[in-house]
Amino acid sequence: MKHLANLDDSNCKEVDMLESPFFSPEEIITGLLATDVDRVLKAGSLVLAKAAGLPSEEILKAVRESEKLGSTANSAGVAIPHAFLRKLPEPLKLLILLRDPVIFNHDINVPVDVVIMLIWPTSRQNGFLPALARHSRIFRDPELLARLRAARDVTDVIVALGDHSRGTPTVRSGQGLSLR
């Protein structure tokens, strides 16, 4: 499925709605209501468990243990909780946009509203650090974060991520979108 995103009155571009270079629609949650970090991790673990074919409790336990070693939150309001799992056949990720920010690390007291959960096979650790670094770099861009925070739905997120990867001009969230 494709749609048009108007850049201005005279200029349109096609955007592939099925995937961005970063996340597929199934890997994105928008508007999650959570009152604390544990509820965010539980919700993410449920979604990742379905994709991984593993119990959500196993994923949640591993992510909680990793987060206890040190918070993954940064000063831009982004957290990247992650864990290694023995039974996981391939890396999985999930982008969660919270409706209201939660505090991931009470020491630095920074509200987080963008969460990227990564789970990685223990047997393939060599690719983990480059993936973590890539996501950390991408999700510290203030313009991208502003567009993600303004996104009303998964479509807006896919457009923002796609535009970011191509370096195309900003499209205001939700303006001029039509399906064809």
Foldseek 3Di string as FASTA:
>chain_A
DWKWFDPDPPDIDIADQQFAPPDGLLQEAEADEDAAPLVVLLVNLVSVCVVQVHDSVVSSVFQVVQCVVDWQADQQQEGEGEGEDASGPAKDKHWYAHNFFHQSDPVVRHTHGIYMYIYGYPVPCVCVVVVVVVVVVLVVPPVLVVQSNQAPGSSSNSVSSNCSVVVHDDGRHPPPIDDD
